Amino acid sequence: MADDLNDEIRENAAGPAKASGDAGSVEQHKLTEQIAADKHLAGKDAVRKPNRGLRFNKIVPPSAG
């Protein structure tokens, strides 16, 4: 999914922002909005992982019982 989104961002960046013709006109989302969407989806994927990079451990010395 992330590769597809990366490919879409690359294609959209290479193409025109607006296009018009006989059938009508088309406008793409801004590149900044696409990057924000990519970051949002990457964050959602990171949250799904069991080890999120932050781990809390309670350290109990053996003499504490």
N, C-alpha and C. Protein backbone atom coordinates (compact mmCIF):
# COMPACT_ATOMS: atom_id res chain seq x y z
N MET A 1 0.83 -1.19 0.00
CA MET A 1 0.00 0.00 0.00
C MET A 1 0.87 1.25 0.00
N ALA A 2 1.93 1.23 0.79
CA ALA A 2 2.79 2.41 0.85
C ALA A 2 3.52 2.61 -0.47
N ASP A 3 3.91 1.51 -1.11
CA ASP A 3 4.58 1.63 -2.41
C ASP A 3 3.65 2.22 -3.44
N ASP A 4 2.37 1.81 -3.41
CA ASP A 4 1.40 2.36 -4.34
C ASP A 4 1.23 3.86 -4.14
N LEU A 5 1.18 4.28 -2.89
CA LEU A 5 1.01 5.70 -2.58
C LEU A 5 2.25 6.49 -2.99
N ASN A 6 3.42 5.91 -2.77
CA ASN A 6 4.65 6.58 -3.20
C ASN A 6 4.68 6.74 -4.71
N ASP A 7 4.25 5.70 -5.42
CA ASP A 7 4.20 5.78 -6.88
C ASP A 7 3.20 6.84 -7.33
N GLU A 8 2.06 6.90 -6.68
CA GLU A 8 1.04 7.90 -7.03
C GLU A 8 1.56 9.32 -6.81
N ILE A 9 2.27 9.53 -5.71
CA ILE A 9 2.81 10.87 -5.42
C ILE A 9 3.82 11.25 -6.50
N ARG A 10 4.67 10.29 -6.89
CA ARG A 10 5.66 10.58 -7.94
C ARG A 10 4.98 10.91 -9.26
N GLU A 11 3.94 10.15 -9.61
CA GLU A 11 3.23 10.41 -10.87
C GLU A 11 2.53 11.76 -10.83
N ASN A 12 1.90 12.08 -9.72
CA ASN A 12 1.20 13.36 -9.60
C ASN A 12 2.16 14.53 -9.61
N ALA A 13 3.34 14.35 -9.03
CA ALA A 13 4.33 15.43 -9.04
C ALA A 13 4.88 15.66 -10.43
N ALA A 14 4.97 14.61 -11.23
CA ALA A 14 5.50 14.74 -12.58
C ALA A 14 4.48 15.34 -13.54
N GLY A 15 3.19 15.17 -13.25
CA GLY A 15 2.14 15.65 -14.14
C GLY A 15 1.70 17.06 -13.82
N PRO A 16 0.79 17.59 -14.61
CA PRO A 16 0.29 18.94 -14.37
C PRO A 16 -0.67 18.99 -13.18
N ALA A 17 -0.77 20.17 -12.56
CA ALA A 17 -1.69 20.32 -11.43
C ALA A 17 -3.13 20.42 -11.91
N LYS A 18 -3.34 21.05 -13.05
CA LYS A 18 -4.69 21.21 -13.62
C LYS A 18 -4.64 20.84 -15.09
N ALA A 19 -5.74 20.27 -15.56
CA ALA A 19 -5.85 19.94 -16.97
C ALA A 19 -7.29 20.19 -17.39
N SER A 20 -7.47 20.76 -18.57
CA SER A 20 -8.82 20.98 -19.07
C SER A 20 -8.87 20.57 -20.53
N GLY A 21 -10.03 20.13 -20.92
CA GLY A 21 -10.22 19.69 -22.29
C GLY A 21 -11.68 19.80 -22.67
N ASP A 22 -12.05 19.16 -23.77
CA ASP A 22 -13.43 19.21 -24.24
C ASP A 22 -14.39 18.51 -23.27
N ALA A 23 -13.91 17.46 -22.61
CA ALA A 23 -14.76 16.69 -21.71
C ALA A 23 -14.91 17.36 -20.35
N GLY A 24 -14.05 18.29 -20.01
CA GLY A 24 -14.12 18.96 -18.71
C GLY A 24 -12.72 19.27 -18.21
N SER A 25 -12.64 19.54 -16.93
CA SER A 25 -11.34 19.85 -16.35
C SER A 25 -11.08 18.95 -15.14
N VAL A 26 -9.81 18.74 -14.87
CA VAL A 26 -9.39 17.87 -13.77
C VAL A 26 -8.35 18.63 -12.96
N GLU A 27 -8.45 18.51 -11.65
CA GLU A 27 -7.47 19.13 -10.76
C GLU A 27 -7.05 18.11 -9.72
N GLN A 28 -5.74 18.02 -9.48
CA GLN A 28 -5.22 17.07 -8.51
C GLN A 28 -5.10 17.75 -7.15
N HIS A 29 -4.96 16.90 -6.12
CA HIS A 29 -4.68 17.43 -4.80
C HIS A 29 -3.28 18.04 -4.80
N LYS A 30 -3.06 19.00 -3.94
CA LYS A 30 -1.74 19.62 -3.84
C LYS A 30 -0.74 18.60 -3.33
N LEU A 31 0.51 18.80 -3.68
CA LEU A 31 1.57 17.89 -3.28
C LEU A 31 1.71 17.86 -1.76
N THR A 32 1.54 19.00 -1.11
CA THR A 32 1.65 19.03 0.35
C THR A 32 0.55 18.20 1.00
N GLU A 33 -0.65 18.20 0.40
CA GLU A 33 -1.74 17.37 0.93
C GLU A 33 -1.45 15.89 0.72
N GLN A 34 -0.82 15.55 -0.39
CA GLN A 34 -0.47 14.16 -0.65
C GLN A 34 0.60 13.67 0.31
N ILE A 35 1.57 14.53 0.60
CA ILE A 35 2.62 14.17 1.55
C ILE A 35 2.03 14.01 2.94
N ALA A 36 1.10 14.88 3.32
CA ALA A 36 0.45 14.77 4.62
C ALA A 36 -0.35 13.47 4.71
N ALA A 37 -1.00 13.09 3.64
CA ALA A 37 -1.75 11.83 3.62
C ALA A 37 -0.80 10.64 3.75
N ASP A 38 0.35 10.71 3.10
CA ASP A 38 1.34 9.64 3.20
C ASP A 38 1.86 9.51 4.62
N LYS A 39 2.14 10.63 5.27
CA LYS A 39 2.61 10.60 6.66
C LYS A 39 1.54 10.05 7.59
N HIS A 40 0.29 10.41 7.34
CA HIS A 40 -0.81 9.92 8.16
C HIS A 40 -0.94 8.40 8.04
N LEU A 41 -0.89 7.89 6.82
CA LEU A 41 -1.00 6.45 6.61
C LEU A 41 0.21 5.71 7.18
N ALA A 42 1.40 6.31 7.08
CA ALA A 42 2.58 5.68 7.67
C ALA A 42 2.46 5.62 9.19
N GLY A 43 1.89 6.65 9.78
CA GLY A 43 1.67 6.66 11.23
C GLY A 43 0.68 5.59 11.65
N LYS A 44 -0.37 5.41 10.85
CA LYS A 44 -1.35 4.37 11.16
C LYS A 44 -0.72 2.98 11.06
N ASP A 45 0.16 2.78 10.09
CA ASP A 45 0.84 1.49 9.97
C ASP A 45 1.79 1.26 11.14
N ALA A 46 2.43 2.31 11.62
CA ALA A 46 3.37 2.19 12.74
C ALA A 46 2.63 1.84 14.03
N VAL A 47 1.42 2.34 14.19
CA VAL A 47 0.66 2.07 15.41
C VAL A 47 0.20 0.62 15.44
N ARG A 48 -0.02 0.02 14.30
CA ARG A 48 -0.48 -1.37 14.24
C ARG A 48 0.60 -2.37 14.66
N LYS A 49 1.85 -1.97 14.60
CA LYS A 49 2.93 -2.88 14.95
C LYS A 49 2.94 -3.10 16.46
N PRO A 50 3.24 -4.34 16.89
CA PRO A 50 3.23 -4.60 18.34
C PRO A 50 4.34 -3.88 19.09
N ASN A 51 5.50 -3.70 18.47
CA ASN A 51 6.59 -2.98 19.11
C ASN A 51 6.65 -1.60 18.46
N ARG A 52 6.10 -0.62 19.11
CA ARG A 52 5.95 0.72 18.54
C ARG A 52 7.15 1.61 18.79
N GLY A 53 8.24 1.06 19.27
CA GLY A 53 9.42 1.87 19.52
C GLY A 53 9.44 2.47 20.91
N LEU A 54 8.39 2.27 21.67
CA LEU A 54 8.31 2.79 23.03
C LEU A 54 7.85 1.65 23.92
N ARG A 55 8.65 1.32 24.87
CA ARG A 55 8.32 0.19 25.72
C ARG A 55 8.51 0.59 27.18
N PHE A 56 7.54 0.27 28.00
CA PHE A 56 7.62 0.55 29.43
C PHE A 56 7.85 -0.76 30.17
N ASN A 57 8.84 -0.77 31.01
CA ASN A 57 9.14 -1.95 31.84
C ASN A 57 9.19 -1.52 33.29
N LYS A 58 8.68 -2.38 34.13
CA LYS A 58 8.77 -2.14 35.57
C LYS A 58 9.94 -2.95 36.09
N ILE A 59 10.91 -2.26 36.63
CA ILE A 59 12.09 -2.94 37.15
C ILE A 59 11.91 -3.17 38.63
N VAL A 60 11.96 -4.45 39.01
CA VAL A 60 11.79 -4.84 40.41
C VAL A 60 13.07 -5.56 40.85
N PRO A 61 13.81 -5.00 41.79
CA PRO A 61 15.01 -5.67 42.26
C PRO A 61 14.64 -6.98 42.98
N PRO A 62 15.51 -7.97 42.95
CA PRO A 62 15.19 -9.27 43.60
C PRO A 62 14.99 -9.14 45.10
N SER A 63 15.62 -8.20 45.75
CA SER A 63 15.48 -8.09 47.21
C SER A 63 14.19 -7.39 47.61
N ALA A 64 13.46 -6.79 46.67
CA ALA A 64 12.24 -6.07 47.01
C ALA A 64 11.07 -7.02 47.25
N GLY A 65 11.17 -8.21 46.78
CA GLY A 65 10.16 -9.23 47.06
C GLY A 65 9.04 -9.22 46.18
